[in-house]
Amino acid sequence: MKAITTSAALKTAIQQLELRQANELILLKEEVAKTSESFKLINIIKSTFKNVAAAPDLKTDIINTAIGLTTGIVAKKVIIGKTLNPLSKLFGVILEVFVANKVTKNAEDVKSIGSIIMKKLFTQHTVLEKK
């Protein structure tokens, strides 16, 4: 900025700075309003759902998790059954979580094994019906 030597130049510089300050205040208020709007709970939930829906592997992850949870529940029912013993119940919950975790992490292998088993079951079933 060049040196101000006259009172007219000083008044002009002050007016320019006041105009600049007013413009920046308007911009700042707009930014505060946008930020305030983005921090509202409903907008946070909306943006979270948009991000989750945009995830490419969401469908696969949901299916894998469902397979894992279902397998864990079935394993618990088969091994533990219905019991009133709190220690057995605790062991059943631990078993359920362990199986669900392992199956979820290896869901593709479980799907392929399940597919092979289903093919064998249905192939044997159709062969028996033909006889």
N, C-alpha and C. Protein backbone atom coordinates (compact mmCIF):
# COMPACT_ATOMS: atom_id res chain seq x y z
N MET A 1 0.84 -1.16 0.00
CA MET A 1 0.00 0.00 0.00
C MET A 1 0.89 1.24 0.00
N LYS A 2 0.53 2.20 -0.82
CA LYS A 2 1.37 3.40 -0.90
C LYS A 2 1.06 4.36 0.24
N ALA A 3 1.97 5.22 0.53
CA ALA A 3 1.83 6.16 1.64
C ALA A 3 0.73 7.18 1.34
N ILE A 4 -0.04 7.49 2.37
CA ILE A 4 -1.13 8.46 2.26
C ILE A 4 -0.59 9.81 2.73
N THR A 5 -0.72 10.81 1.85
CA THR A 5 -0.13 12.12 2.18
C THR A 5 -1.18 13.21 2.34
N THR A 6 -2.37 13.04 1.82
CA THR A 6 -3.40 14.08 1.92
C THR A 6 -4.58 13.54 2.71
N SER A 7 -5.37 14.48 3.23
CA SER A 7 -6.55 14.07 4.01
C SER A 7 -7.60 13.46 3.10
N ALA A 8 -7.71 13.85 1.85
CA ALA A 8 -8.67 13.27 0.91
C ALA A 8 -8.29 11.81 0.63
N ALA A 9 -7.02 11.54 0.47
CA ALA A 9 -6.56 10.16 0.22
C ALA A 9 -6.81 9.30 1.45
N LEU A 10 -6.65 9.92 2.64
CA LEU A 10 -6.91 9.20 3.88
C LEU A 10 -8.39 8.83 3.99
N LYS A 11 -9.28 9.78 3.67
CA LYS A 11 -10.71 9.52 3.72
C LYS A 11 -11.09 8.42 2.72
N THR A 12 -10.51 8.47 1.52
CA THR A 12 -10.79 7.45 0.50
C THR A 12 -10.31 6.08 0.98
N ALA A 13 -9.12 6.02 1.57
CA ALA A 13 -8.59 4.75 2.06
C ALA A 13 -9.46 4.20 3.19
N ILE A 14 -9.94 5.10 4.07
CA ILE A 14 -10.80 4.67 5.17
C ILE A 14 -12.12 4.12 4.63
N GLN A 15 -12.70 4.79 3.64
CA GLN A 15 -13.95 4.32 3.04
C GLN A 15 -13.77 2.96 2.37
N GLN A 16 -12.64 2.79 1.69
CA GLN A 16 -12.38 1.50 1.04
C GLN A 16 -12.24 0.38 2.07
N LEU A 17 -11.53 0.69 3.15
CA LEU A 17 -11.36 -0.32 4.20
C LEU A 17 -12.68 -0.63 4.90
N GLU A 18 -13.53 0.39 5.12
CA GLU A 18 -14.83 0.16 5.73
C GLU A 18 -15.72 -0.69 4.81
N LEU A 19 -15.67 -0.44 3.51
CA LEU A 19 -16.42 -1.23 2.54
C LEU A 19 -15.93 -2.68 2.52
N ARG A 20 -14.62 -2.82 2.55
CA ARG A 20 -14.03 -4.17 2.58
C ARG A 20 -14.44 -4.90 3.85
N GLN A 21 -14.42 -4.18 4.99
CA GLN A 21 -14.82 -4.78 6.26
C GLN A 21 -16.28 -5.20 6.23
N ALA A 22 -17.15 -4.40 5.66
CA ALA A 22 -18.57 -4.72 5.57
C ALA A 22 -18.78 -5.96 4.69
N ASN A 23 -18.08 -6.04 3.57
CA ASN A 23 -18.19 -7.20 2.68
C ASN A 23 -17.70 -8.47 3.37
N GLU A 24 -16.58 -8.37 4.07
CA GLU A 24 -16.04 -9.53 4.78
C GLU A 24 -16.96 -9.97 5.92
N LEU A 25 -17.64 -9.00 6.57
CA LEU A 25 -18.59 -9.34 7.63
C LEU A 25 -19.78 -10.11 7.05
N ILE A 26 -20.26 -9.69 5.88
CA ILE A 26 -21.35 -10.40 5.23
C ILE A 26 -20.93 -11.83 4.89
N LEU A 27 -19.73 -11.99 4.32
CA LEU A 27 -19.23 -13.32 3.99
C LEU A 27 -19.06 -14.18 5.24
N LEU A 28 -18.58 -13.58 6.31
CA LEU A 28 -18.39 -14.31 7.56
C LEU A 28 -19.72 -14.79 8.12
N LYS A 29 -20.74 -13.93 8.07
CA LYS A 29 -22.06 -14.32 8.56
C LYS A 29 -22.63 -15.47 7.73
N GLU A 30 -22.41 -15.43 6.42
CA GLU A 30 -22.88 -16.52 5.55
C GLU A 30 -22.19 -17.83 5.91
N GLU A 31 -20.89 -17.78 6.13
CA GLU A 31 -20.15 -18.98 6.51
C GLU A 31 -20.61 -19.53 7.86
N VAL A 32 -20.87 -18.64 8.81
CA VAL A 32 -21.36 -19.08 10.12
C VAL A 32 -22.72 -19.75 9.97
N ALA A 33 -23.58 -19.20 9.12
CA ALA A 33 -24.90 -19.79 8.90
C ALA A 33 -24.77 -21.17 8.25
N LYS A 34 -23.88 -21.29 7.25
CA LYS A 34 -23.67 -22.59 6.60
C LYS A 34 -23.13 -23.61 7.60
N THR A 35 -22.17 -23.21 8.40
CA THR A 35 -21.57 -24.11 9.40
C THR A 35 -22.61 -24.52 10.43
N SER A 36 -23.39 -23.57 10.89
CA SER A 36 -24.44 -23.86 11.86
C SER A 36 -25.45 -24.85 11.28
N GLU A 37 -25.81 -24.66 10.02
CA GLU A 37 -26.76 -25.56 9.35
C GLU A 37 -26.17 -26.97 9.23
N SER A 38 -24.87 -27.05 8.91
CA SER A 38 -24.26 -28.37 8.73
C SER A 38 -24.11 -29.14 10.04
N PHE A 39 -24.13 -28.43 11.17
CA PHE A 39 -23.99 -29.11 12.46
C PHE A 39 -25.33 -29.50 13.09
N LYS A 40 -26.43 -29.21 12.40
CA LYS A 40 -27.72 -29.66 12.91
C LYS A 40 -27.78 -31.18 12.80
N LEU A 41 -28.42 -31.81 13.79
CA LEU A 41 -28.43 -33.26 13.88
C LEU A 41 -29.00 -33.91 12.62
N ILE A 42 -30.09 -33.39 12.10
CA ILE A 42 -30.71 -34.00 10.92
C ILE A 42 -29.77 -33.93 9.72
N ASN A 43 -29.03 -32.84 9.58
CA ASN A 43 -28.10 -32.72 8.46
C ASN A 43 -26.90 -33.65 8.62
N ILE A 44 -26.47 -33.85 9.85
CA ILE A 44 -25.37 -34.79 10.09
C ILE A 44 -25.82 -36.20 9.73
N ILE A 45 -27.04 -36.55 10.12
CA ILE A 45 -27.57 -37.89 9.81
C ILE A 45 -27.71 -38.06 8.30
N LYS A 46 -28.23 -37.03 7.62
CA LYS A 46 -28.39 -37.11 6.16
C LYS A 46 -27.04 -37.30 5.47
N SER A 47 -26.06 -36.53 5.87
CA SER A 47 -24.75 -36.64 5.22
C SER A 47 -24.11 -37.99 5.51
N THR A 48 -24.34 -38.52 6.70
CA THR A 48 -23.80 -39.84 7.04
C THR A 48 -24.43 -40.91 6.16
N PHE A 49 -25.76 -40.86 5.99
CA PHE A 49 -26.43 -41.83 5.14
C PHE A 49 -25.99 -41.69 3.68
N LYS A 50 -25.76 -40.47 3.22
CA LYS A 50 -25.29 -40.29 1.85
C LYS A 50 -23.91 -40.91 1.68
N ASN A 51 -23.05 -40.73 2.66
CA ASN A 51 -21.70 -41.30 2.58
C ASN A 51 -21.75 -42.82 2.64
N VAL A 52 -22.61 -43.36 3.48
CA VAL A 52 -22.72 -44.81 3.59
C VAL A 52 -23.30 -45.40 2.31
N ALA A 53 -24.32 -44.74 1.77
CA ALA A 53 -24.94 -45.24 0.55
C ALA A 53 -24.00 -45.17 -0.64
N ALA A 54 -23.06 -44.24 -0.60
CA ALA A 54 -22.11 -44.09 -1.71
C ALA A 54 -20.99 -45.12 -1.64
N ALA A 55 -20.88 -45.83 -0.52
CA ALA A 55 -19.83 -46.83 -0.38
C ALA A 55 -20.07 -47.96 -1.38
N PRO A 56 -19.06 -48.33 -2.16
CA PRO A 56 -19.25 -49.32 -3.21
C PRO A 56 -19.49 -50.74 -2.70
N ASP A 57 -18.94 -51.10 -1.58
CA ASP A 57 -19.04 -52.47 -1.09
C ASP A 57 -20.09 -52.61 0.01
N LEU A 58 -21.01 -51.67 0.10
CA LEU A 58 -21.99 -51.68 1.18
C LEU A 58 -22.86 -52.93 1.14
N LYS A 59 -23.37 -53.26 -0.03
CA LYS A 59 -24.26 -54.43 -0.16
C LYS A 59 -23.53 -55.71 0.24
N THR A 60 -22.32 -55.85 -0.24
CA THR A 60 -21.52 -57.04 0.09
C THR A 60 -21.24 -57.10 1.58
N ASP A 61 -20.89 -55.97 2.18
CA ASP A 61 -20.60 -55.94 3.61
C ASP A 61 -21.83 -56.30 4.43
N ILE A 62 -22.99 -55.81 4.03
CA ILE A 62 -24.22 -56.12 4.76
C ILE A 62 -24.52 -57.61 4.67
N ILE A 63 -24.38 -58.17 3.48
CA ILE A 63 -24.64 -59.61 3.30
C ILE A 63 -23.66 -60.44 4.11
N ASN A 64 -22.38 -60.08 4.06
CA ASN A 64 -21.37 -60.82 4.82
C ASN A 64 -21.64 -60.75 6.32
N THR A 65 -22.03 -59.58 6.80
CA THR A 65 -22.34 -59.43 8.23
C THR A 65 -23.56 -60.26 8.61
N ALA A 66 -24.57 -60.25 7.75
CA ALA A 66 -25.78 -61.04 8.02
C ALA A 66 -25.45 -62.53 8.06
N ILE A 67 -24.62 -62.98 7.13
CA ILE A 67 -24.21 -64.39 7.13
C ILE A 67 -23.46 -64.72 8.41
N GLY A 68 -22.55 -63.85 8.81
CA GLY A 68 -21.78 -64.07 10.03
C GLY A 68 -22.66 -64.13 11.27
N LEU A 69 -23.57 -63.18 11.39
CA LEU A 69 -24.46 -63.17 12.57
C LEU A 69 -25.36 -64.40 12.60
N THR A 70 -25.91 -64.75 11.44
CA THR A 70 -26.78 -65.91 11.39
C THR A 70 -26.02 -67.18 11.76
N THR A 71 -24.84 -67.33 11.22
CA THR A 71 -24.02 -68.51 11.53
C THR A 71 -23.68 -68.56 13.01
N GLY A 72 -23.36 -67.40 13.60
CA GLY A 72 -23.06 -67.36 15.03
C GLY A 72 -24.24 -67.79 15.88
N ILE A 73 -25.42 -67.31 15.51
CA ILE A 73 -26.63 -67.67 16.26
C ILE A 73 -26.92 -69.16 16.13
N VAL A 74 -26.81 -69.68 14.92
CA VAL A 74 -27.06 -71.11 14.70
C VAL A 74 -26.05 -71.95 15.47
N ALA A 75 -24.78 -71.56 15.44
CA ALA A 75 -23.75 -72.32 16.17
C ALA A 75 -24.06 -72.34 17.66
N LYS A 76 -24.48 -71.21 18.18
CA LYS A 76 -24.82 -71.15 19.61
C LYS A 76 -25.99 -72.06 19.92
N LYS A 77 -27.02 -72.04 19.08
CA LYS A 77 -28.20 -72.88 19.33
C LYS A 77 -27.86 -74.36 19.23
N VAL A 78 -27.03 -74.72 18.25
CA VAL A 78 -26.68 -76.13 18.05
C VAL A 78 -25.80 -76.63 19.18
N ILE A 79 -24.80 -75.88 19.56
CA ILE A 79 -23.84 -76.36 20.55
C ILE A 79 -24.36 -76.21 21.98
N ILE A 80 -24.96 -75.07 22.29
CA ILE A 80 -25.39 -74.81 23.66
C ILE A 80 -26.85 -75.23 23.86
N GLY A 81 -27.71 -74.94 22.90
CA GLY A 81 -29.12 -75.27 23.05
C GLY A 81 -29.78 -74.36 24.08
N LYS A 82 -30.88 -74.84 24.66
CA LYS A 82 -31.56 -74.07 25.70
C LYS A 82 -31.03 -74.51 27.04
N THR A 83 -30.51 -73.57 27.79
CA THR A 83 -29.95 -73.89 29.10
C THR A 83 -30.28 -72.77 30.07
N LEU A 84 -30.33 -73.09 31.33
CA LEU A 84 -30.55 -72.10 32.37
C LEU A 84 -29.26 -71.76 33.09
N ASN A 85 -28.22 -72.52 32.82
CA ASN A 85 -26.93 -72.33 33.46
C ASN A 85 -26.29 -71.03 32.96
N PRO A 86 -26.02 -70.07 33.85
CA PRO A 86 -25.44 -68.80 33.41
C PRO A 86 -24.05 -68.95 32.78
N LEU A 87 -23.29 -69.92 33.27
CA LEU A 87 -21.96 -70.14 32.70
C LEU A 87 -22.06 -70.65 31.26
N SER A 88 -23.02 -71.54 31.02
CA SER A 88 -23.24 -72.04 29.66
C SER A 88 -23.74 -70.92 28.75
N LYS A 89 -24.60 -70.06 29.29
CA LYS A 89 -25.09 -68.93 28.50
C LYS A 89 -23.94 -68.00 28.12
N LEU A 90 -23.06 -67.75 29.07
CA LEU A 90 -21.90 -66.90 28.79
C LEU A 90 -21.02 -67.53 27.73
N PHE A 91 -20.76 -68.82 27.86
CA PHE A 91 -19.97 -69.53 26.85
C PHE A 91 -20.66 -69.46 25.49
N GLY A 92 -21.98 -69.56 25.48
CA GLY A 92 -22.74 -69.49 24.23
C GLY A 92 -22.60 -68.14 23.56
N VAL A 93 -22.65 -67.07 24.34
CA VAL A 93 -22.49 -65.73 23.77
C VAL A 93 -21.08 -65.55 23.21
N ILE A 94 -20.09 -66.01 23.95
CA ILE A 94 -18.71 -65.92 23.47
C ILE A 94 -18.54 -66.72 22.18
N LEU A 95 -19.10 -67.90 22.14
CA LEU A 95 -19.04 -68.73 20.94
C LEU A 95 -19.73 -68.04 19.76
N GLU A 96 -20.90 -67.47 20.04
CA GLU A 96 -21.66 -66.78 18.98
C GLU A 96 -20.85 -65.63 18.39
N VAL A 97 -20.25 -64.81 19.23
CA VAL A 97 -19.45 -63.68 18.75
C VAL A 97 -18.23 -64.17 17.99
N PHE A 98 -17.57 -65.19 18.50
CA PHE A 98 -16.37 -65.72 17.85
C PHE A 98 -16.70 -66.26 16.46
N VAL A 99 -17.75 -67.08 16.37
CA VAL A 99 -18.13 -67.66 15.07
C VAL A 99 -18.58 -66.57 14.11
N ALA A 100 -19.38 -65.62 14.60
CA ALA A 100 -19.85 -64.53 13.74
C ALA A 100 -18.67 -63.72 13.20
N ASN A 101 -17.70 -63.46 14.04
CA ASN A 101 -16.52 -62.69 13.62
C ASN A 101 -15.73 -63.44 12.56
N LYS A 102 -15.48 -64.72 12.81
CA LYS A 102 -14.69 -65.51 11.85
C LYS A 102 -15.42 -65.65 10.51
N VAL A 103 -16.71 -65.92 10.57
CA VAL A 103 -17.48 -66.10 9.33
C VAL A 103 -17.57 -64.80 8.56
N THR A 104 -17.76 -63.69 9.25
CA THR A 104 -17.84 -62.39 8.58
C THR A 104 -16.53 -62.07 7.87
N LYS A 105 -15.41 -62.37 8.50
CA LYS A 105 -14.11 -62.08 7.89
C LYS A 105 -13.82 -63.01 6.71
N ASN A 106 -14.38 -64.21 6.73
CA ASN A 106 -14.14 -65.18 5.66
C ASN A 106 -15.45 -65.53 4.94
N ALA A 107 -16.27 -64.55 4.70
CA ALA A 107 -17.61 -64.78 4.15
C ALA A 107 -17.57 -65.38 2.75
N GLU A 108 -16.61 -64.99 1.94
CA GLU A 108 -16.54 -65.52 0.57
C GLU A 108 -16.28 -67.02 0.59
N ASP A 109 -15.39 -67.47 1.46
CA ASP A 109 -15.13 -68.91 1.59
C ASP A 109 -16.37 -69.66 2.07
N VAL A 110 -17.06 -69.08 3.04
CA VAL A 110 -18.27 -69.71 3.57
C VAL A 110 -19.34 -69.80 2.48
N LYS A 111 -19.46 -68.74 1.67
CA LYS A 111 -20.44 -68.76 0.57
C LYS A 111 -20.12 -69.86 -0.43
N SER A 112 -18.85 -70.00 -0.77
CA SER A 112 -18.50 -71.02 -1.75
C SER A 112 -18.72 -72.43 -1.19
N ILE A 113 -18.37 -72.64 0.07
CA ILE A 113 -18.61 -73.95 0.69
C ILE A 113 -20.11 -74.22 0.79
N GLY A 114 -20.86 -73.22 1.18
CA GLY A 114 -22.32 -73.37 1.25
C GLY A 114 -22.93 -73.67 -0.10
N SER A 115 -22.40 -73.05 -1.13
CA SER A 115 -22.88 -73.30 -2.49
C SER A 115 -22.61 -74.74 -2.90
N ILE A 116 -21.43 -75.25 -2.58
CA ILE A 116 -21.08 -76.63 -2.91
C ILE A 116 -22.00 -77.61 -2.17
N ILE A 117 -22.22 -77.34 -0.89
CA ILE A 117 -23.10 -78.21 -0.10
C ILE A 117 -24.52 -78.20 -0.66
N MET A 118 -25.01 -77.02 -1.00
CA MET A 118 -26.37 -76.92 -1.55
C MET A 118 -26.48 -77.67 -2.88
N LYS A 119 -25.48 -77.55 -3.73
CA LYS A 119 -25.50 -78.27 -5.01
C LYS A 119 -25.53 -79.78 -4.78
N LYS A 120 -24.71 -80.24 -3.82
CA LYS A 120 -24.68 -81.68 -3.54
C LYS A 120 -26.02 -82.16 -2.98
N LEU A 121 -26.61 -81.38 -2.10
CA LEU A 121 -27.91 -81.77 -1.53
C LEU A 121 -28.99 -81.83 -2.60
N PHE A 122 -29.05 -80.82 -3.44
CA PHE A 122 -30.09 -80.80 -4.45
C PHE A 122 -29.81 -81.80 -5.56
N THR A 123 -28.55 -82.07 -5.86
CA THR A 123 -28.23 -83.08 -6.86
C THR A 123 -28.64 -84.46 -6.37
N GLN A 124 -28.35 -84.79 -5.11
CA GLN A 124 -28.75 -86.08 -4.54
C GLN A 124 -30.27 -86.18 -4.47
N HIS A 125 -30.90 -85.09 -4.15
CA HIS A 125 -32.37 -85.08 -4.04
C HIS A 125 -33.01 -85.36 -5.39
N THR A 126 -32.52 -84.75 -6.46
CA THR A 126 -33.09 -84.99 -7.80
C THR A 126 -32.77 -86.39 -8.28
N VAL A 127 -31.61 -86.94 -7.94
CA VAL A 127 -31.25 -88.30 -8.35
C VAL A 127 -32.16 -89.30 -7.66
N LEU A 128 -32.46 -89.10 -6.38
CA LEU A 128 -33.35 -89.98 -5.65
C LEU A 128 -34.77 -89.92 -6.18
N GLU A 129 -35.21 -88.74 -6.60
CA GLU A 129 -36.56 -88.62 -7.15
C GLU A 129 -36.71 -89.35 -8.47
N LYS A 130 -35.66 -89.38 -9.30
CA LYS A 130 -35.72 -90.03 -10.60
C LYS A 130 -35.79 -91.54 -10.47
N LYS A 131 -35.26 -92.11 -9.41
CA LYS A 131 -35.22 -93.58 -9.23
C LYS A 131 -36.54 -94.09 -8.88
